Amino acid sequence: MCYNKIIINPLNVKGLNEVKGGITLESGFVKVEYKKQGALTRFKVAIPEKVSAKFKYEGKEFELKTGVNEFGI
């Protein structure tokens, strides 16, 4: 099965301040990391070619580009 559209929707878990994970798709590897820094949460998300990705977190939602996406919320 080939996934070409994905939604990344991490949970904000109290006491869990740093997370790294990923999954291998037919089109490549999706990698997600986050680290809480005070009131800011820093994300690093890698999206392979030919995959459309949407990111949702605490009421915010936006599209991610192919390659590495780094941002803070």
C-alpha atoms as a PDB file:
ATOM      1  CA  MET A   1       0.000   0.000   0.000  1.00  0.00           C
ATOM      2  CA  CYS A   2       1.412   3.394  -0.996  1.00  0.00           C
ATOM      3  CA  TYR A   3       0.603   6.451   1.112  1.00  0.00           C
ATOM      4  CA  ASN A   4       0.974   9.726  -0.758  1.00  0.00           C
ATOM      5  CA  LYS A   5      -1.121  11.886   1.616  1.00  0.00           C
ATOM      6  CA  ILE A   6      -0.424  11.922   5.345  1.00  0.00           C
ATOM      7  CA  ILE A   7      -1.477  13.899   8.405  1.00  0.00           C
ATOM      8  CA  ILE A   8       0.982  14.457  11.250  1.00  0.00           C
ATOM      9  CA  ASN A   9      -0.902  15.247  14.456  1.00  0.00           C
ATOM     10  CA  PRO A  10       1.374  15.000  17.532  1.00  0.00           C
ATOM     11  CA  LEU A  11      -0.082  15.116  21.015  1.00  0.00           C
ATOM     12  CA  ASN A  12       1.089  17.519  23.697  1.00  0.00           C
ATOM     13  CA  VAL A  13       1.746  15.177  26.621  1.00  0.00           C
ATOM     14  CA  LYS A  14       2.639  16.774  29.958  1.00  0.00           C
ATOM     15  CA  GLY A  15       6.089  15.629  31.105  1.00  0.00           C
ATOM     16  CA  LEU A  16       7.102  14.371  27.652  1.00  0.00           C
ATOM     17  CA  ASN A  17       9.528  17.089  26.563  1.00  0.00           C
ATOM     18  CA  GLU A  18      11.390  15.470  23.680  1.00  0.00           C
ATOM     19  CA  VAL A  19      10.146  12.991  21.073  1.00  0.00           C
ATOM     20  CA  LYS A  20      11.692  11.397  17.972  1.00  0.00           C
ATOM     21  CA  GLY A  21      10.077   8.889  15.650  1.00  0.00           C
ATOM     22  CA  GLY A  22       9.421   7.915  12.096  1.00  0.00           C
ATOM     23  CA  ILE A  23       7.906   5.473   9.661  1.00  0.00           C
ATOM     24  CA  THR A  24       9.057   4.030   6.369  1.00  0.00           C
ATOM     25  CA  LEU A  25       6.669   4.474   3.431  1.00  0.00           C
ATOM     26  CA  GLU A  26       7.137   3.114  -0.092  1.00  0.00           C
ATOM     27  CA  SER A  27       8.156   6.620  -1.159  1.00  0.00           C
ATOM     28  CA  GLY A  28      10.670   7.136   1.669  1.00  0.00           C
ATOM     29  CA  PHE A  29      11.096   7.791   5.372  1.00  0.00           C
ATOM     30  CA  VAL A  30       8.925  10.244   7.351  1.00  0.00           C
ATOM     31  CA  LYS A  31      10.709  11.568  10.432  1.00  0.00           C
ATOM     32  CA  VAL A  32       9.177  13.679  13.207  1.00  0.00           C
ATOM     33  CA  GLU A  33      10.972  15.251  16.165  1.00  0.00           C
ATOM     34  CA  TYR A  34       9.901  17.770  18.747  1.00  0.00           C
ATOM     35  CA  LYS A  35      11.468  19.386  21.772  1.00  0.00           C
ATOM     36  CA  LYS A  36       9.719  21.637  24.271  1.00  0.00           C
ATOM     37  CA  GLN A  37      11.646  24.776  25.187  1.00  0.00           C
ATOM     38  CA  GLY A  38       9.635  26.681  27.768  1.00  0.00           C
ATOM     39  CA  ALA A  39       6.375  27.840  26.170  1.00  0.00           C
ATOM     40  CA  LEU A  40       7.717  27.022  22.670  1.00  0.00           C
ATOM     41  CA  THR A  41       7.734  23.591  21.044  1.00  0.00           C
ATOM     42  CA  ARG A  42      10.332  23.163  18.252  1.00  0.00           C
ATOM     43  CA  PHE A  43       9.475  20.701  15.477  1.00  0.00           C
ATOM     44  CA  LYS A  44      11.611  19.084  12.787  1.00  0.00           C
ATOM     45  CA  VAL A  45       9.657  17.052  10.224  1.00  0.00           C
ATOM     46  CA  ALA A  46      11.136  15.325   7.145  1.00  0.00           C
ATOM     47  CA  ILE A  47       8.768  14.525   4.262  1.00  0.00           C
ATOM     48  CA  PRO A  48       9.882  12.347   1.305  1.00  0.00           C
ATOM     49  CA  GLU A  49       9.351  13.209  -2.373  1.00  0.00           C
ATOM     50  CA  LYS A  50       5.866  12.553  -3.794  1.00  0.00           C
ATOM     51  CA  VAL A  51       4.203  12.749  -0.368  1.00  0.00           C
ATOM     52  CA  SER A  52       1.697  15.468   0.537  1.00  0.00           C
ATOM     53  CA  ALA A  53       1.721  16.196   4.281  1.00  0.00           C
ATOM     54  CA  LYS A  54      -0.528  18.207   6.560  1.00  0.00           C
ATOM     55  CA  PHE A  55       0.561  19.142  10.104  1.00  0.00           C
ATOM     56  CA  LYS A  56      -1.924  19.641  12.951  1.00  0.00           C
ATOM     57  CA  TYR A  57      -1.029  20.697  16.486  1.00  0.00           C
ATOM     58  CA  GLU A  58      -3.126  22.344  19.192  1.00  0.00           C
ATOM     59  CA  GLY A  59      -5.623  23.985  16.849  1.00  0.00           C
ATOM     60  CA  LYS A  60      -3.077  24.997  14.207  1.00  0.00           C
ATOM     61  CA  GLU A  61      -3.026  23.338  10.790  1.00  0.00           C
ATOM     62  CA  PHE A  62      -0.829  23.833   7.719  1.00  0.00           C
ATOM     63  CA  GLU A  63       0.781  22.046   4.778  1.00  0.00           C
ATOM     64  CA  LEU A  64       4.374  20.803   4.940  1.00  0.00           C
ATOM     65  CA  LYS A  65       6.794  20.884   2.022  1.00  0.00           C
ATOM     66  CA  THR A  66       8.918  18.018   0.737  1.00  0.00           C
ATOM     67  CA  GLY A  67      12.235  17.822   2.581  1.00  0.00           C
ATOM     68  CA  VAL A  68      12.990  19.075   6.083  1.00  0.00           C
ATOM     69  CA  ASN A  69      10.540  21.443   7.764  1.00  0.00           C
ATOM     70  CA  GLU A  70      11.672  23.205  10.967  1.00  0.00           C
ATOM     71  CA  PHE A  71       9.404  25.502  12.963  1.00  0.00           C
ATOM     72  CA  GLY A  72       8.274  26.455  16.451  1.00  0.00           C
ATOM     73  CA  ILE A  73       4.782  26.711  17.894  1.00  0.00           C
END
